[in-house]
Amino acid sequence: MIKILIAVLTISALAAVFGILLGFSSVHFKVEVDPLVDKINTILPQAQCGQCGYLGCLPYAQAIANGDEINKCPPGGQTTIEQLANFMGIEITESAYEDKTSTRNVAFIHEDSCIGCTKCIQICPIDAIIGSTKAMHTIMKDECTGCDLCVAPCPTDCIEMIPMKTTSKNWKWQFNQIHVVQLSTDNTKGIEQK
């Protein structure tokens, strides 16, 4: 019984010492993060896809804070560009990536070809793929950012990127393409166009 008590006290003492060391280290060796970089990083979609030319969203956020362009994130699309422009107080720019469609692409798994290897699940940075080992997988299209990372590792080529269908949830007005006519009223002539 005494040996058990000694072992428990020894482990408790070691845990207390290491806890104090970790607490001391976390206070004195803390790495300061620029609040601007932290805020920019929260705006980015966290796809970690590398399509912007950086290894992930945090390095891209640091580059934006240092003056790089805000328009290099395909998964974030125009919405992210607008949010970054509003936050940074700069003029909205066009996307630096080639966007041939007004809708975003999402991954689609041809479920009859899926072998359940889980390689796509392991690579997906936002967990938009549902499935398990040796079972069919599927994509949650509302969660998918279109980062295209899951396509390459698939051994059966059952994943493809398809345009997301336009619905009432994702449809947006194209205000710059709508011709607006100003109308004025005149007491004697009624309504006339200018």
N, C-alpha and C. Protein backbone atom coordinates (compact mmCIF):
# COMPACT_ATOMS: atom_id res chain seq x y z
N MET A 1 0.82 -1.20 0.00
CA MET A 1 0.00 0.00 0.00
C MET A 1 0.86 1.26 0.00
N ILE A 2 1.99 1.20 0.74
CA ILE A 2 2.88 2.35 0.82
C ILE A 2 3.52 2.62 -0.55
N LYS A 3 3.84 1.54 -1.31
CA LYS A 3 4.44 1.71 -2.63
C LYS A 3 3.48 2.42 -3.58
N ILE A 4 2.20 2.09 -3.50
CA ILE A 4 1.19 2.74 -4.34
C ILE A 4 1.08 4.22 -3.97
N LEU A 5 1.07 4.51 -2.68
CA LEU A 5 0.99 5.89 -2.21
C LEU A 5 2.20 6.70 -2.67
N ILE A 6 3.38 6.09 -2.59
CA ILE A 6 4.60 6.78 -3.03
C ILE A 6 4.53 7.04 -4.54
N ALA A 7 4.06 6.04 -5.31
CA ALA A 7 3.95 6.21 -6.77
C ALA A 7 2.97 7.32 -7.12
N VAL A 8 1.84 7.36 -6.43
CA VAL A 8 0.83 8.40 -6.70
C VAL A 8 1.38 9.78 -6.35
N LEU A 9 2.06 9.89 -5.19
CA LEU A 9 2.64 11.17 -4.79
C LEU A 9 3.74 11.61 -5.75
N THR A 10 4.54 10.67 -6.22
CA THR A 10 5.61 11.00 -7.16
C THR A 10 5.03 11.51 -8.48
N ILE A 11 4.03 10.83 -9.00
CA ILE A 11 3.41 11.26 -10.25
C ILE A 11 2.72 12.61 -10.06
N SER A 12 2.06 12.81 -8.93
CA SER A 12 1.42 14.10 -8.65
C SER A 12 2.44 15.23 -8.57
N ALA A 13 3.57 14.96 -7.92
CA ALA A 13 4.63 15.98 -7.81
C ALA A 13 5.20 16.31 -9.19
N LEU A 14 5.44 15.28 -10.01
CA LEU A 14 5.95 15.52 -11.38
C LEU A 14 4.93 16.30 -12.21
N ALA A 15 3.66 15.96 -12.07
CA ALA A 15 2.62 16.68 -12.82
C ALA A 15 2.57 18.14 -12.39
N ALA A 16 2.70 18.41 -11.10
CA ALA A 16 2.70 19.79 -10.61
C ALA A 16 3.91 20.57 -11.13
N VAL A 17 5.09 19.94 -11.11
CA VAL A 17 6.31 20.61 -11.59
C VAL A 17 6.18 20.92 -13.08
N PHE A 18 5.76 19.91 -13.87
CA PHE A 18 5.62 20.15 -15.30
C PHE A 18 4.51 21.16 -15.60
N GLY A 19 3.46 21.16 -14.83
CA GLY A 19 2.40 22.16 -15.01
C GLY A 19 2.90 23.57 -14.75
N ILE A 20 3.70 23.72 -13.71
CA ILE A 20 4.28 25.04 -13.40
C ILE A 20 5.24 25.47 -14.51
N LEU A 21 6.05 24.53 -15.01
CA LEU A 21 6.97 24.84 -16.11
C LEU A 21 6.21 25.25 -17.38
N LEU A 22 5.16 24.52 -17.70
CA LEU A 22 4.36 24.87 -18.88
C LEU A 22 3.68 26.22 -18.71
N GLY A 23 3.16 26.49 -17.52
CA GLY A 23 2.54 27.81 -17.27
C GLY A 23 3.54 28.94 -17.40
N PHE A 24 4.72 28.73 -16.84
CA PHE A 24 5.79 29.73 -16.94
C PHE A 24 6.19 29.96 -18.39
N SER A 25 6.34 28.85 -19.14
CA SER A 25 6.73 28.94 -20.55
C SER A 25 5.68 29.65 -21.39
N SER A 26 4.41 29.37 -21.13
CA SER A 26 3.36 29.99 -21.93
C SER A 26 3.27 31.50 -21.71
N VAL A 27 3.67 31.96 -20.55
CA VAL A 27 3.65 33.40 -20.27
C VAL A 27 4.90 34.09 -20.80
N HIS A 28 6.06 33.52 -20.53
CA HIS A 28 7.31 34.20 -20.87
C HIS A 28 7.80 33.97 -22.29
N PHE A 29 7.38 32.90 -22.92
CA PHE A 29 7.81 32.62 -24.29
C PHE A 29 6.67 32.76 -25.29
N LYS A 30 5.67 33.51 -24.92
CA LYS A 30 4.49 33.70 -25.77
C LYS A 30 4.90 34.43 -27.05
N VAL A 31 4.41 33.93 -28.18
CA VAL A 31 4.65 34.57 -29.46
C VAL A 31 3.51 35.55 -29.71
N GLU A 32 3.86 36.80 -29.86
CA GLU A 32 2.84 37.82 -30.10
C GLU A 32 2.35 37.74 -31.54
N VAL A 33 1.05 37.73 -31.71
CA VAL A 33 0.43 37.69 -33.03
C VAL A 33 -0.12 39.07 -33.33
N ASP A 34 0.18 39.53 -34.53
CA ASP A 34 -0.33 40.82 -34.97
C ASP A 34 -1.86 40.74 -35.04
N PRO A 35 -2.60 41.64 -34.36
CA PRO A 35 -4.06 41.57 -34.40
C PRO A 35 -4.62 41.77 -35.80
N LEU A 36 -3.92 42.51 -36.64
CA LEU A 36 -4.36 42.70 -38.03
C LEU A 36 -4.31 41.37 -38.77
N VAL A 37 -3.23 40.63 -38.61
CA VAL A 37 -3.08 39.32 -39.26
C VAL A 37 -4.14 38.36 -38.74
N ASP A 38 -4.40 38.40 -37.44
CA ASP A 38 -5.39 37.51 -36.84
C ASP A 38 -6.78 37.78 -37.40
N LYS A 39 -7.16 39.05 -37.55
CA LYS A 39 -8.47 39.41 -38.09
C LYS A 39 -8.58 39.02 -39.56
N ILE A 40 -7.53 39.28 -40.34
CA ILE A 40 -7.54 38.90 -41.75
C ILE A 40 -7.67 37.39 -41.89
N ASN A 41 -6.97 36.66 -41.03
CA ASN A 41 -7.03 35.20 -41.06
C ASN A 41 -8.43 34.69 -40.75
N THR A 42 -9.17 35.35 -39.89
CA THR A 42 -10.54 34.91 -39.59
C THR A 42 -11.48 35.17 -40.77
N ILE A 43 -11.17 36.16 -41.60
CA ILE A 43 -12.01 36.43 -42.78
C ILE A 43 -11.78 35.39 -43.87
N LEU A 44 -10.55 34.90 -43.99
CA LEU A 44 -10.23 33.91 -45.03
C LEU A 44 -10.97 32.60 -44.75
N PRO A 45 -11.25 31.80 -45.79
CA PRO A 45 -12.11 30.61 -45.62
C PRO A 45 -11.47 29.43 -44.93
N GLN A 46 -10.18 29.48 -44.61
CA GLN A 46 -9.47 28.41 -43.93
C GLN A 46 -9.50 27.10 -44.72
N ALA A 47 -9.40 27.20 -46.03
CA ALA A 47 -9.36 26.01 -46.88
C ALA A 47 -7.97 25.41 -46.90
N GLN A 48 -6.92 26.20 -46.59
CA GLN A 48 -5.53 25.74 -46.58
C GLN A 48 -5.17 25.05 -47.88
N CYS A 49 -5.69 25.53 -49.00
CA CYS A 49 -5.53 24.84 -50.28
C CYS A 49 -4.28 25.25 -51.04
N GLY A 50 -3.72 26.41 -50.75
CA GLY A 50 -2.52 26.86 -51.43
C GLY A 50 -2.76 27.48 -52.79
N GLN A 51 -4.02 27.66 -53.19
CA GLN A 51 -4.31 28.23 -54.50
C GLN A 51 -3.94 29.71 -54.60
N CYS A 52 -3.73 30.35 -53.47
CA CYS A 52 -3.33 31.76 -53.45
C CYS A 52 -1.83 31.93 -53.66
N GLY A 53 -1.09 30.83 -53.63
CA GLY A 53 0.36 30.89 -53.78
C GLY A 53 1.10 30.80 -52.45
N TYR A 54 0.37 30.67 -51.36
CA TYR A 54 0.97 30.53 -50.03
C TYR A 54 0.60 29.16 -49.47
N LEU A 55 1.29 28.74 -48.43
CA LEU A 55 1.08 27.40 -47.89
C LEU A 55 -0.24 27.24 -47.15
N GLY A 56 -0.88 28.31 -46.78
CA GLY A 56 -2.15 28.23 -46.08
C GLY A 56 -2.72 29.61 -45.88
N CYS A 57 -3.81 29.68 -45.13
CA CYS A 57 -4.50 30.96 -44.94
C CYS A 57 -3.71 31.92 -44.04
N LEU A 58 -3.05 31.41 -43.01
CA LEU A 58 -2.28 32.29 -42.13
C LEU A 58 -1.11 32.96 -42.84
N PRO A 59 -0.30 32.22 -43.63
CA PRO A 59 0.76 32.91 -44.38
C PRO A 59 0.20 33.93 -45.38
N TYR A 60 -0.95 33.62 -45.98
CA TYR A 60 -1.56 34.59 -46.90
C TYR A 60 -2.06 35.81 -46.14
N ALA A 61 -2.61 35.60 -44.94
CA ALA A 61 -3.05 36.73 -44.11
C ALA A 61 -1.86 37.62 -43.74
N GLN A 62 -0.72 37.02 -43.42
CA GLN A 62 0.48 37.80 -43.12
C GLN A 62 0.93 38.58 -44.35
N ALA A 63 0.83 37.96 -45.53
CA ALA A 63 1.22 38.65 -46.76
C ALA A 63 0.28 39.82 -47.05
N ILE A 64 -1.02 39.65 -46.81
CA ILE A 64 -1.97 40.75 -47.01
C ILE A 64 -1.65 41.89 -46.06
N ALA A 65 -1.35 41.56 -44.81
CA ALA A 65 -1.01 42.61 -43.84
C ALA A 65 0.26 43.35 -44.24
N ASN A 66 1.14 42.67 -44.99
CA ASN A 66 2.38 43.30 -45.45
C ASN A 66 2.24 43.95 -46.82
N GLY A 67 1.03 43.99 -47.37
CA GLY A 67 0.79 44.72 -48.61
C GLY A 67 0.47 43.89 -49.84
N ASP A 68 0.37 42.56 -49.72
CA ASP A 68 0.02 41.75 -50.88
C ASP A 68 -1.45 41.99 -51.24
N GLU A 69 -1.82 41.57 -52.45
CA GLU A 69 -3.18 41.77 -52.94
C GLU A 69 -4.17 40.89 -52.18
N ILE A 70 -5.41 41.37 -52.09
CA ILE A 70 -6.45 40.66 -51.35
C ILE A 70 -7.28 39.75 -52.24
N ASN A 71 -6.93 39.63 -53.50
CA ASN A 71 -7.81 38.97 -54.46
C ASN A 71 -7.29 37.64 -54.98
N LYS A 72 -6.58 36.89 -54.17
CA LYS A 72 -5.96 35.65 -54.64
C LYS A 72 -6.59 34.38 -54.06
N CYS A 73 -7.77 34.45 -53.49
CA CYS A 73 -8.36 33.30 -52.79
C CYS A 73 -9.56 32.75 -53.56
N PRO A 74 -9.37 31.72 -54.40
CA PRO A 74 -10.50 31.15 -55.14
C PRO A 74 -11.61 30.57 -54.26
N PRO A 75 -11.31 29.81 -53.19
CA PRO A 75 -12.42 29.29 -52.37
C PRO A 75 -13.24 30.39 -51.70
N GLY A 76 -12.60 31.49 -51.35
CA GLY A 76 -13.34 32.59 -50.72
C GLY A 76 -14.17 33.38 -51.71
N GLY A 77 -13.69 33.46 -52.95
CA GLY A 77 -14.42 34.15 -54.01
C GLY A 77 -14.55 35.64 -53.77
N GLN A 78 -15.50 36.22 -54.46
CA GLN A 78 -15.71 37.67 -54.41
C GLN A 78 -16.19 38.12 -53.02
N THR A 79 -16.90 37.25 -52.32
CA THR A 79 -17.37 37.61 -50.98
C THR A 79 -16.20 37.89 -50.04
N THR A 80 -15.19 37.04 -50.08
CA THR A 80 -14.01 37.25 -49.23
C THR A 80 -13.26 38.50 -49.65
N ILE A 81 -13.16 38.74 -50.94
CA ILE A 81 -12.49 39.95 -51.43
C ILE A 81 -13.20 41.19 -50.90
N GLU A 82 -14.53 41.19 -50.95
CA GLU A 82 -15.31 42.33 -50.46
C GLU A 82 -15.13 42.52 -48.95
N GLN A 83 -15.14 41.42 -48.18
CA GLN A 83 -14.96 41.53 -46.73
C GLN A 83 -13.56 42.05 -46.39
N LEU A 84 -12.55 41.56 -47.10
CA LEU A 84 -11.18 42.03 -46.86
C LEU A 84 -11.04 43.51 -47.24
N ALA A 85 -11.66 43.91 -48.35
CA ALA A 85 -11.59 45.31 -48.78
C ALA A 85 -12.26 46.22 -47.77
N ASN A 86 -13.41 45.80 -47.27
CA ASN A 86 -14.10 46.60 -46.25
C ASN A 86 -13.27 46.70 -44.98
N PHE A 87 -12.67 45.60 -44.55
CA PHE A 87 -11.87 45.60 -43.34
C PHE A 87 -10.60 46.45 -43.49
N MET A 88 -9.94 46.31 -44.64
CA MET A 88 -8.68 47.01 -44.87
C MET A 88 -8.90 48.46 -45.30
N GLY A 89 -10.14 48.80 -45.67
CA GLY A 89 -10.42 50.16 -46.12
C GLY A 89 -9.81 50.49 -47.46
N ILE A 90 -9.80 49.51 -48.36
CA ILE A 90 -9.25 49.73 -49.69
C ILE A 90 -10.32 49.46 -50.74
N GLU A 91 -10.02 49.83 -51.96
CA GLU A 91 -10.97 49.67 -53.04
C GLU A 91 -11.02 48.21 -53.46
N ILE A 92 -12.22 47.74 -53.79
CA ILE A 92 -12.41 46.35 -54.19
C ILE A 92 -11.75 46.13 -55.54
N THR A 93 -11.00 45.05 -55.63
CA THR A 93 -10.30 44.72 -56.87
C THR A 93 -10.92 43.47 -57.49
N GLU A 94 -10.60 43.24 -58.73
CA GLU A 94 -11.06 42.03 -59.41
C GLU A 94 -10.26 40.84 -58.90
N SER A 95 -10.79 39.65 -59.11
CA SER A 95 -10.11 38.44 -58.68
C SER A 95 -8.84 38.24 -59.50
N ALA A 96 -7.80 37.77 -58.85
CA ALA A 96 -6.54 37.49 -59.53
C ALA A 96 -6.57 36.11 -60.19
N TYR A 97 -7.49 35.27 -59.78
CA TYR A 97 -7.61 33.95 -60.38
C TYR A 97 -8.66 34.01 -61.47
N GLU A 98 -8.58 33.08 -62.41
CA GLU A 98 -9.51 33.07 -63.53
C GLU A 98 -10.81 32.44 -63.08
N ASP A 99 -11.88 33.23 -63.12
CA ASP A 99 -13.20 32.76 -62.71
C ASP A 99 -14.12 32.88 -63.91
N LYS A 100 -14.32 31.76 -64.61
CA LYS A 100 -15.07 31.79 -65.85
C LYS A 100 -16.57 31.78 -65.61
N THR A 101 -17.00 31.39 -64.43
CA THR A 101 -18.41 31.31 -64.14
C THR A 101 -18.75 32.23 -62.99
N SER A 102 -20.00 32.62 -62.95
CA SER A 102 -20.44 33.46 -61.84
C SER A 102 -20.78 32.62 -60.62
N THR A 103 -20.89 31.30 -60.81
CA THR A 103 -21.17 30.42 -59.67
C THR A 103 -19.89 29.73 -59.25
N ARG A 104 -19.85 29.31 -58.03
CA ARG A 104 -18.65 28.63 -57.54
C ARG A 104 -18.76 27.14 -57.80
N ASN A 105 -17.62 26.49 -57.88
CA ASN A 105 -17.57 25.05 -58.08
C ASN A 105 -17.53 24.35 -56.73
N VAL A 106 -18.16 23.19 -56.68
CA VAL A 106 -18.10 22.34 -55.49
C VAL A 106 -17.74 20.93 -55.92
N ALA A 107 -17.20 20.17 -55.00
CA ALA A 107 -16.83 18.79 -55.29
C ALA A 107 -18.08 17.91 -55.34
N PHE A 108 -18.03 16.92 -56.21
CA PHE A 108 -19.12 15.95 -56.32
C PHE A 108 -18.51 14.56 -56.42
N ILE A 109 -18.99 13.63 -55.60
CA ILE A 109 -18.48 12.26 -55.62
C ILE A 109 -19.48 11.38 -56.35
N HIS A 110 -18.99 10.68 -57.39
CA HIS A 110 -19.80 9.68 -58.06
C HIS A 110 -19.79 8.46 -57.15
N GLU A 111 -20.86 8.32 -56.39
CA GLU A 111 -20.89 7.36 -55.30
C GLU A 111 -20.78 5.91 -55.75
N ASP A 112 -21.19 5.60 -56.99
CA ASP A 112 -21.07 4.23 -57.46
C ASP A 112 -19.63 3.82 -57.72
N SER A 113 -18.73 4.80 -57.88
CA SER A 113 -17.31 4.52 -58.11
C SER A 113 -16.47 4.63 -56.83
N CYS A 114 -17.05 5.14 -55.76
CA CYS A 114 -16.31 5.36 -54.51
C CYS A 114 -16.02 4.02 -53.83
N ILE A 115 -14.75 3.81 -53.46
CA ILE A 115 -14.35 2.57 -52.80
C ILE A 115 -14.18 2.74 -51.28
N GLY A 116 -14.36 3.95 -50.77
CA GLY A 116 -14.25 4.19 -49.34
C GLY A 116 -12.84 4.21 -48.81
N CYS A 117 -11.91 4.75 -49.60
CA CYS A 117 -10.51 4.74 -49.19
C CYS A 117 -10.19 5.83 -48.15
N THR A 118 -11.03 6.81 -47.98
CA THR A 118 -10.93 7.94 -47.04
C THR A 118 -9.79 8.91 -47.35
N LYS A 119 -9.15 8.81 -48.52
CA LYS A 119 -8.08 9.75 -48.86
C LYS A 119 -8.62 11.16 -49.02
N CYS A 120 -9.85 11.29 -49.55
CA CYS A 120 -10.46 12.61 -49.71
C CYS A 120 -10.84 13.20 -48.36
N ILE A 121 -11.30 12.36 -47.45
CA ILE A 121 -11.68 12.85 -46.12
C ILE A 121 -10.45 13.38 -45.38
N GLN A 122 -9.33 12.67 -45.51
CA GLN A 122 -8.11 13.08 -44.82
C GLN A 122 -7.57 14.40 -45.34
N ILE A 123 -7.78 14.71 -46.61
CA ILE A 123 -7.20 15.92 -47.19
C ILE A 123 -8.14 17.12 -47.08
N CYS A 124 -9.43 16.90 -46.90
CA CYS A 124 -10.40 18.00 -46.86
C CYS A 124 -10.16 18.89 -45.64
N PRO A 125 -9.82 20.18 -45.85
CA PRO A 125 -9.48 21.03 -44.71
C PRO A 125 -10.68 21.50 -43.89
N ILE A 126 -11.89 21.36 -44.43
CA ILE A 126 -13.05 21.86 -43.69
C ILE A 126 -14.05 20.76 -43.35
N ASP A 127 -13.67 19.52 -43.53
CA ASP A 127 -14.52 18.36 -43.20
C ASP A 127 -15.88 18.42 -43.90
N ALA A 128 -15.86 18.67 -45.20
CA ALA A 128 -17.09 18.72 -45.97
C ALA A 128 -17.46 17.38 -46.57
N ILE A 129 -16.67 16.34 -46.29
CA ILE A 129 -16.91 15.01 -46.85
C ILE A 129 -17.36 14.07 -45.73
N ILE A 130 -18.45 13.36 -45.99
CA ILE A 130 -19.01 12.41 -45.01
C ILE A 130 -18.77 11.00 -45.52
N GLY A 131 -18.34 10.12 -44.66
CA GLY A 131 -18.14 8.72 -45.02
C GLY A 131 -17.19 8.07 -44.05
N SER A 132 -16.95 6.79 -44.25
CA SER A 132 -16.01 6.07 -43.39
C SER A 132 -15.27 5.04 -44.23
N THR A 133 -14.34 4.33 -43.61
CA THR A 133 -13.53 3.35 -44.32
C THR A 133 -14.41 2.27 -44.94
N LYS A 134 -14.14 1.99 -46.20
CA LYS A 134 -14.85 0.96 -46.98
C LYS A 134 -16.35 1.24 -47.07
N ALA A 135 -16.72 2.51 -46.99
CA ALA A 135 -18.12 2.91 -47.15
C ALA A 135 -18.17 4.09 -48.11
N MET A 136 -19.30 4.27 -48.71
CA MET A 136 -19.48 5.33 -49.69
C MET A 136 -19.35 6.70 -49.03
N HIS A 137 -18.73 7.64 -49.75
CA HIS A 137 -18.58 9.01 -49.27
C HIS A 137 -19.49 9.94 -50.04
N THR A 138 -19.79 11.07 -49.43
CA THR A 138 -20.57 12.11 -50.10
C THR A 138 -20.09 13.47 -49.62
N ILE A 139 -20.41 14.50 -50.40
CA ILE A 139 -19.97 15.87 -50.11
C ILE A 139 -21.15 16.67 -49.58
N MET A 140 -20.90 17.45 -48.53
CA MET A 140 -21.89 18.43 -48.07
C MET A 140 -21.65 19.69 -48.89
N LYS A 141 -22.46 19.89 -49.94
CA LYS A 141 -22.18 20.95 -50.90
C LYS A 141 -22.26 22.35 -50.30
N ASP A 142 -23.04 22.52 -49.25
CA ASP A 142 -23.12 23.85 -48.62
C ASP A 142 -21.86 24.18 -47.83
N GLU A 143 -21.10 23.16 -47.43
CA GLU A 143 -19.86 23.37 -46.68
C GLU A 143 -18.63 23.43 -47.58
N CYS A 144 -18.70 22.82 -48.76
CA CYS A 144 -17.56 22.73 -49.66
C CYS A 144 -17.16 24.12 -50.16
N THR A 145 -15.86 24.44 -50.07
CA THR A 145 -15.37 25.74 -50.54
C THR A 145 -14.85 25.68 -51.96
N GLY A 146 -14.81 24.50 -52.56
CA GLY A 146 -14.32 24.37 -53.92
C GLY A 146 -12.81 24.47 -54.04
N CYS A 147 -12.09 24.06 -53.01
CA CYS A 147 -10.64 24.19 -53.00
C CYS A 147 -9.95 23.20 -53.92
N ASP A 148 -10.64 22.14 -54.35
CA ASP A 148 -10.13 21.20 -55.34
C ASP A 148 -9.05 20.26 -54.78
N LEU A 149 -8.84 20.24 -53.48
CA LEU A 149 -7.79 19.39 -52.90
C LEU A 149 -8.16 17.91 -52.89
N CYS A 150 -9.44 17.60 -52.90
CA CYS A 150 -9.86 16.21 -52.78
C CYS A 150 -9.82 15.46 -54.11
N VAL A 151 -9.69 16.15 -55.22
CA VAL A 151 -9.75 15.50 -56.53
C VAL A 151 -8.50 14.67 -56.80
N ALA A 152 -7.33 15.23 -56.59
CA ALA A 152 -6.07 14.55 -56.94
C ALA A 152 -5.82 13.26 -56.17
N PRO A 153 -6.05 13.19 -54.84
CA PRO A 153 -5.72 11.94 -54.14
C PRO A 153 -6.68 10.78 -54.39
N CYS A 154 -7.80 11.02 -55.04
CA CYS A 154 -8.79 9.95 -55.25
C CYS A 154 -8.25 8.92 -56.24
N PRO A 155 -8.09 7.65 -55.81
CA PRO A 155 -7.51 6.64 -56.70
C PRO A 155 -8.46 6.17 -57.81
N THR A 156 -9.75 6.40 -57.65
CA THR A 156 -10.72 5.94 -58.66
C THR A 156 -11.25 7.09 -59.51
N ASP A 157 -10.76 8.28 -59.31
CA ASP A 157 -11.22 9.47 -60.06
C ASP A 157 -12.73 9.62 -60.01
N CYS A 158 -13.31 9.40 -58.84
CA CYS A 158 -14.76 9.52 -58.72
C CYS A 158 -15.19 10.90 -58.22
N ILE A 159 -14.23 11.80 -58.02
CA ILE A 159 -14.55 13.16 -57.55
C ILE A 159 -14.32 14.13 -58.69
N GLU A 160 -15.28 14.98 -58.92
CA GLU A 160 -15.13 16.04 -59.92
C GLU A 160 -15.68 17.34 -59.36
N MET A 161 -15.20 18.44 -59.92
CA MET A 161 -15.67 19.75 -59.52
C MET A 161 -16.77 20.17 -60.48
N ILE A 162 -17.94 20.48 -59.93
CA ILE A 162 -19.07 20.89 -60.77
C ILE A 162 -19.57 22.24 -60.29
N PRO A 163 -20.17 23.04 -61.18
CA PRO A 163 -20.72 24.32 -60.76
C PRO A 163 -21.91 24.11 -59.82
N MET A 164 -21.95 24.90 -58.77
CA MET A 164 -23.07 24.80 -57.83
C MET A 164 -24.31 25.39 -58.50
N LYS A 165 -25.40 24.67 -58.41
CA LYS A 165 -26.64 25.14 -59.03
C LYS A 165 -27.11 26.41 -58.34
N THR A 166 -27.64 27.33 -59.13
CA THR A 166 -28.15 28.58 -58.59
C THR A 166 -29.51 28.33 -57.96
N THR A 167 -29.60 28.68 -56.69
CA THR A 167 -30.87 28.58 -55.96
C THR A 167 -31.17 29.93 -55.32
N SER A 168 -32.27 30.01 -54.63
CA SER A 168 -32.62 31.27 -53.96
C SER A 168 -31.65 31.59 -52.83
N LYS A 169 -30.92 30.60 -52.33
CA LYS A 169 -29.97 30.83 -51.24
C LYS A 169 -28.65 31.42 -51.72
N ASN A 170 -28.20 31.05 -52.95
CA ASN A 170 -26.91 31.53 -53.40
C ASN A 170 -26.98 32.48 -54.59
N TRP A 171 -28.15 32.82 -55.06
CA TRP A 171 -28.30 33.72 -56.20
C TRP A 171 -28.02 35.15 -55.77
N LYS A 172 -27.31 35.89 -56.62
CA LYS A 172 -26.96 37.27 -56.30
C LYS A 172 -27.34 38.19 -57.46
N TRP A 173 -27.77 39.36 -57.13
CA TRP A 173 -28.07 40.37 -58.15
C TRP A 173 -26.78 40.81 -58.83
N GLN A 174 -26.84 41.03 -60.11
CA GLN A 174 -25.72 41.59 -60.86
C GLN A 174 -26.04 43.06 -61.11
N PHE A 175 -25.86 43.89 -60.08
CA PHE A 175 -26.25 45.29 -60.17
C PHE A 175 -25.51 46.07 -61.26
N ASN A 176 -24.27 45.70 -61.53
CA ASN A 176 -23.52 46.44 -62.53
C ASN A 176 -24.01 46.14 -63.95
N GLN A 177 -24.86 45.13 -64.14
CA GLN A 177 -25.37 44.79 -65.46
C GLN A 177 -26.80 45.26 -65.67
N ILE A 178 -27.42 45.84 -64.65
CA ILE A 178 -28.80 46.30 -64.76
C ILE A 178 -28.80 47.77 -65.14
N HIS A 179 -29.50 48.09 -66.23
CA HIS A 179 -29.59 49.48 -66.67
C HIS A 179 -30.71 50.15 -65.88
N VAL A 180 -30.37 51.22 -65.17
CA VAL A 180 -31.33 51.92 -64.34
C VAL A 180 -31.71 53.23 -65.02
N VAL A 181 -33.01 53.47 -65.17
CA VAL A 181 -33.50 54.69 -65.79
C VAL A 181 -34.06 55.58 -64.68
N GLN A 182 -33.61 56.82 -64.65
CA GLN A 182 -34.12 57.74 -63.65
C GLN A 182 -35.41 58.37 -64.17
N LEU A 183 -36.39 58.46 -63.29
CA LEU A 183 -37.67 59.05 -63.63
C LEU A 183 -37.87 60.31 -62.81
N SER A 184 -38.54 61.28 -63.41
CA SER A 184 -38.90 62.48 -62.65
C SER A 184 -40.35 62.81 -62.93
N THR A 185 -40.97 63.49 -62.00
CA THR A 185 -42.38 63.86 -62.18
C THR A 185 -42.46 65.34 -62.50
N ASP A 186 -43.34 65.66 -63.39
CA ASP A 186 -43.61 67.04 -63.77
C ASP A 186 -45.11 67.21 -63.62
N ASN A 187 -45.56 68.26 -62.97
CA ASN A 187 -46.98 68.46 -62.69
C ASN A 187 -47.81 68.53 -63.97
N THR A 188 -47.28 69.07 -65.04
CA THR A 188 -48.08 69.25 -66.25
C THR A 188 -47.96 68.08 -67.21
N LYS A 189 -46.85 67.40 -67.22
CA LYS A 189 -46.65 66.35 -68.21
C LYS A 189 -46.70 64.95 -67.63
N GLY A 190 -46.85 64.78 -66.35
CA GLY A 190 -46.86 63.46 -65.75
C GLY A 190 -45.43 62.96 -65.55
N ILE A 191 -45.23 61.69 -65.79
CA ILE A 191 -43.91 61.11 -65.59
C ILE A 191 -43.18 61.02 -66.92
N GLU A 192 -41.98 61.50 -66.97
CA GLU A 192 -41.19 61.43 -68.20
C GLU A 192 -39.79 60.97 -67.88
N GLN A 193 -39.17 60.36 -68.84
CA GLN A 193 -37.81 59.87 -68.66
C GLN A 193 -36.81 60.99 -68.97
N LYS A 194 -35.73 60.99 -68.24
CA LYS A 194 -34.65 61.96 -68.50
C LYS A 194 -33.63 61.33 -69.39
